[in-house]
Protein backbone atom coordinates (compact mmCIF):
# COMPACT_ATOMS: atom_id res chain seq x y z
CA MET A 1 -0.08 -5.62 -21.10
CA GLY A 2 -1.05 -2.16 -22.37
CA SER A 3 -4.25 -1.07 -24.11
CA ASN A 4 -5.43 -0.08 -27.57
CA ASN A 5 -8.33 1.98 -26.30
CA ARG A 6 -6.95 5.03 -24.53
CA LEU A 7 -3.73 7.04 -24.55
CA ALA A 8 -1.13 6.65 -27.30
CA ASP A 9 1.68 5.57 -24.97
CA GLU A 10 -0.41 2.75 -23.49
CA GLY A 11 -0.55 0.78 -26.74
CA PRO A 12 -0.38 -1.53 -28.35
CA GLU A 13 -1.92 -4.20 -26.19
CA HIS A 14 0.48 -7.13 -26.13
CA THR A 15 1.43 -10.27 -24.25
CA ARG A 16 4.46 -10.56 -22.01
CA ILE A 17 5.80 -13.73 -20.42
CA LEU A 18 7.60 -13.06 -17.14
CA PRO A 19 9.83 -15.23 -14.99
CA THR A 20 8.67 -16.01 -11.48
CA TYR A 21 8.90 -13.08 -9.07
CA TRP A 22 7.50 -11.91 -5.75
CA ILE A 23 5.95 -8.51 -5.08
CA ASP A 24 4.80 -6.87 -1.86
CA ARG A 25 1.12 -7.10 -1.01
CA TYR A 26 1.16 -3.52 0.32
CA GLU A 27 2.77 -0.18 -0.41
CA VAL A 28 5.67 0.68 1.91
CA THR A 29 4.38 2.54 4.95
CA ASN A 30 5.64 5.49 6.93
CA ALA A 31 6.48 3.16 9.83
CA GLN A 32 8.46 0.83 7.61
CA TYR A 33 10.31 3.73 6.05
CA LYS A 34 11.18 5.10 9.49
CA ALA A 35 12.76 1.73 10.34
CA PHE A 36 14.86 2.13 7.20
CA ILE A 37 16.05 5.69 7.89
CA ASP A 38 16.75 4.86 11.54
CA SER A 39 18.85 1.87 10.48
CA SER A 40 20.65 3.42 7.52
CA GLY A 41 20.87 7.13 8.30
CA HIS A 42 19.10 7.89 5.02
CA ARG A 43 17.44 11.30 4.74
CA SER A 44 13.86 11.51 5.97
CA PRO A 45 10.91 12.54 3.79
CA SER A 46 9.88 16.18 3.97
CA HIS A 47 6.61 15.42 5.77
CA PHE A 48 8.50 13.77 8.65
CA ARG A 49 9.37 15.95 11.66
CA ASN A 50 12.51 15.16 13.66
CA ARG A 51 12.78 12.04 11.49
CA ASP A 52 9.37 10.77 12.58
CA TYR A 53 6.18 10.36 10.56
CA PRO A 54 3.00 12.39 11.20
CA THR A 55 0.86 11.31 14.13
CA GLY A 56 -1.72 8.73 13.16
CA LYS A 57 -0.11 7.87 9.84
CA ALA A 58 2.11 4.91 10.72
CA ASP A 59 0.24 2.64 8.33
CA HIS A 60 -0.24 5.16 5.52
CA PRO A 61 2.01 4.76 2.48
CA VAL A 62 5.21 6.77 2.70
CA THR A 63 5.30 9.72 0.30
CA PHE A 64 7.81 12.39 -0.73
CA THR A 65 10.16 9.65 -1.85
CA SER A 66 12.16 9.93 -5.05
CA TRP A 67 12.92 6.96 -7.28
CA TYR A 68 16.38 6.87 -5.66
CA ASP A 69 14.85 6.78 -2.17
CA ALA A 70 12.56 3.94 -3.22
CA ARG A 71 15.44 2.02 -4.76
CA ASP A 72 17.54 2.44 -1.63
CA TYR A 73 14.75 1.27 0.66
CA CYS A 74 14.11 -1.85 -1.42
CA GLN A 75 17.82 -2.69 -1.44
CA TRP A 76 17.95 -2.23 2.34
CA ALA A 77 15.00 -4.63 2.65
CA GLY A 78 16.76 -7.22 0.46
CA LYS A 79 14.48 -6.53 -2.49
CA ARG A 80 14.24 -4.30 -5.57
CA LEU A 81 11.70 -2.15 -7.36
CA PRO A 82 9.34 -4.03 -9.69
CA THR A 83 9.51 -3.49 -13.42
CA GLU A 84 6.51 -1.95 -15.15
CA ALA A 85 5.57 -5.35 -16.57
CA GLU A 86 5.79 -7.03 -13.16
CA TRP A 87 3.69 -4.30 -11.57
CA GLU A 88 1.04 -4.45 -14.29
CA LYS A 89 0.83 -8.25 -14.17
CA ALA A 90 0.32 -8.15 -10.40
CA ALA A 91 -2.46 -5.59 -10.84
CA ARG A 92 -4.28 -7.17 -13.80
CA GLY A 93 -4.13 -10.89 -13.09
CA ASN A 94 -4.36 -13.27 -16.05
CA ASP A 95 -7.49 -11.84 -17.69
CA GLY A 96 -6.18 -8.39 -18.67
CA ARG A 97 -8.68 -6.50 -16.54
CA ILE A 98 -8.80 -2.69 -16.60
CA TYR A 99 -8.87 -2.22 -12.83
CA PRO A 100 -7.50 -4.55 -10.16
CA TRP A 101 -11.06 -5.61 -9.27
CA GLY A 102 -12.52 -5.89 -12.78
CA ASN A 103 -13.49 -3.84 -15.82
CA GLU A 104 -15.87 -1.28 -14.31
CA PHE A 105 -14.73 1.63 -12.19
CA ALA A 106 -16.12 1.55 -8.63
CA ILE A 107 -15.79 4.55 -6.35
CA GLU A 108 -15.84 2.44 -3.18
CA ARG A 109 -12.93 0.18 -4.18
CA ALA A 110 -10.00 2.60 -4.18
CA ASN A 111 -8.64 5.86 -2.77
CA THR A 112 -9.09 8.05 -5.84
CA PRO A 113 -9.80 11.75 -6.48
CA VAL A 114 -13.37 11.00 -7.52
CA ARG A 115 -13.99 9.47 -4.09
CA TRP A 116 -12.76 12.61 -2.32
CA ALA A 117 -14.87 14.76 -4.62
CA ARG A 118 -17.94 12.70 -3.71
CA LEU A 119 -17.11 13.14 -0.01
CA LYS A 120 -16.50 16.88 -0.56
CA ARG A 121 -13.31 16.62 1.45
CA GLN A 122 -9.63 17.39 0.89
CA GLY A 123 -7.87 14.34 -0.47
CA ASP A 124 -5.13 12.42 1.34
CA THR A 125 -3.54 9.01 1.62
CA THR A 126 -5.40 6.28 3.47
CA PRO A 127 -4.06 3.32 5.49
CA ILE A 128 -2.74 0.50 3.33
CA GLY A 129 -5.31 -2.17 2.63
CA ALA A 130 -8.25 0.09 3.51
CA PHE A 131 -10.15 -1.00 0.38
CA PRO A 132 -10.01 -4.82 0.35
CA SER A 133 -12.78 -5.05 -2.25
CA GLY A 134 -10.36 -3.34 -4.64
CA ASN A 135 -7.57 -5.89 -4.27
CA SER A 136 -5.99 -7.40 -7.37
CA PRO A 137 -6.55 -11.07 -8.33
CA TYR A 138 -3.32 -11.91 -6.49
CA GLY A 139 -4.45 -10.16 -3.31
CA LEU A 140 -2.40 -6.97 -3.70
CA ALA A 141 -3.89 -3.87 -2.10
CA ASP A 142 -4.03 -0.31 -3.46
CA MET A 143 -2.89 -1.12 -6.97
CA SER A 144 -5.33 1.59 -8.06
CA GLY A 145 -5.22 4.85 -6.13
CA ASN A 146 -3.67 5.85 -2.80
CA VAL A 147 -0.18 6.67 -4.16
CA TRP A 148 1.57 6.44 -7.50
CA GLU A 149 4.22 3.73 -7.32
CA TRP A 150 7.73 4.00 -8.71
CA THR A 151 8.90 1.15 -10.91
CA ASP A 152 12.39 0.27 -12.07
CA SER A 153 11.50 0.89 -15.71
CA TRP A 154 12.41 3.83 -17.92
CA TYR A 155 9.68 5.55 -19.90
CA LEU A 156 10.03 3.75 -23.21
CA PRO A 157 7.47 2.80 -25.89
CA HIS A 158 5.82 -0.59 -25.74
CA PRO A 159 6.98 -3.05 -28.40
CA GLY A 160 5.20 -2.22 -31.64
CA ASN A 161 4.37 1.36 -30.66
CA HIS A 162 5.44 3.58 -33.53
CA GLN A 163 4.05 6.88 -32.28
CA PRO A 164 7.07 9.00 -31.39
CA SER A 165 7.42 10.96 -28.16
CA GLU A 166 10.18 13.34 -27.16
CA ASN A 167 9.81 12.00 -23.62
CA TYR A 168 10.81 8.42 -24.42
CA GLY A 169 14.30 7.43 -23.39
CA HIS A 170 16.45 7.00 -20.31
CA HIS A 171 15.34 10.27 -18.75
CA TYR A 172 12.13 9.54 -16.84
CA LYS A 173 11.15 6.65 -14.60
CA LEU A 174 7.70 5.08 -14.81
CA LEU A 175 5.09 5.19 -12.08
CA LYS A 176 1.95 3.08 -12.00
CA GLY A 177 -1.43 2.93 -10.30
CA GLY A 178 -2.69 6.47 -9.83
CA SER A 179 -3.19 8.14 -6.47
CA TRP A 180 -5.51 10.08 -4.21
CA TRP A 181 -4.52 13.31 -5.98
CA ASP A 182 -6.32 14.56 -9.09
CA CYS A 183 -3.52 15.03 -11.61
CA SER A 184 -5.96 15.99 -14.35
CA PHE A 185 -3.27 17.66 -16.44
CA TYR A 186 -1.77 14.22 -17.04
CA LYS A 187 -5.20 12.59 -17.43
CA CYS A 188 -4.25 10.11 -14.73
CA GLY A 189 -6.16 10.99 -11.62
CA ILE A 190 -9.71 9.74 -11.87
CA SER A 191 -9.77 6.09 -12.95
CA ALA A 192 -6.16 4.89 -12.62
CA PRO A 193 -6.52 1.83 -14.88
CA THR A 194 -3.88 -0.84 -14.55
CA PHE A 195 -2.26 -0.03 -17.90
CA ASN A 196 -1.93 3.71 -17.18
CA ARG A 197 1.63 5.10 -17.33
CA SER A 198 3.04 8.18 -15.66
CA PHE A 199 6.62 9.35 -15.96
CA PHE A 200 8.76 11.75 -13.94
CA ASN A 201 12.33 12.69 -13.31
CA PRO A 202 13.60 10.10 -10.80
CA ARG A 203 14.57 12.88 -8.39
CA VAL A 204 11.00 14.18 -8.01
CA ARG A 205 9.35 13.88 -4.61
CA ASN A 206 5.75 14.81 -3.83
CA SER A 207 2.72 13.96 -1.71
CA SER A 208 1.32 11.37 -4.10
CA PHE A 209 4.41 9.28 -4.95
CA GLY A 210 5.24 6.09 -3.05
CA PHE A 211 6.27 2.54 -3.91
CA ARG A 212 6.27 -1.17 -3.12
CA CYS A 213 9.10 -3.64 -3.58
CA ALA A 214 9.60 -6.88 -5.49
CA SER A 215 12.15 -9.68 -5.47
CA ASP A 216 13.34 -12.67 -7.45
CA THR A 217 13.09 -14.96 -4.42
CA PRO A 218 10.91 -14.85 -1.30
CA VAL A 219 12.06 -12.33 1.30
CA GLU A 220 10.80 -12.00 4.87
CA PRO A 221 8.73 -8.80 4.79
CA VAL A 222 9.33 -5.75 6.94
CA ARG A 223 6.15 -5.68 9.03
CA LYS A 224 3.61 -3.13 7.82
CA ASP A 225 3.39 -1.85 11.42
CA ALA A 226 7.16 -1.88 12.00
CA PRO A 227 8.18 0.82 14.51
């Protein structure tokens, strides 16, 4: 977990041993989230109209969800948010790779800002699983790009990291994986390596934040095309 070769908060590289857990193969979609708000009465995301997702985007990852929204959905589905360590393990496999598919960035393997720049088009989310060649060793889709994913972890230093930061503490929740949006200010938008860390107030909602769920025991998934 982590890296010694990039940003200060990503180090030091270290080994973690995790208990068995399950994690969703895909990011939660607009259609799945609609099933949740219809069932629970939870508020709808700001890009929904009349509590329905945009036309043609049923299988795109849901966005404009805060950490609290993500937590509530996972609880409704009988699951929970993954920890940062669980998320990173699922993305990196057992060989510590930089990207879910290997150690070299590949524009065709993920929905990233550099791909949209090459296409000379405005960026956006893409359907879940649209880049199967970018899947992680465990078969998880979109672990790099598409949307940033909330985790259950606070933004804290890795064990052995002695470089102080005023942002560490129980103030910001961690997101992993990068997104379609070029957040160059945070140096997180282009490559989205598996060990990258982003942190935000858990109440923040925007067009590049989504999530997937995890669990301690197997749970019957909410279908990715659930109405």
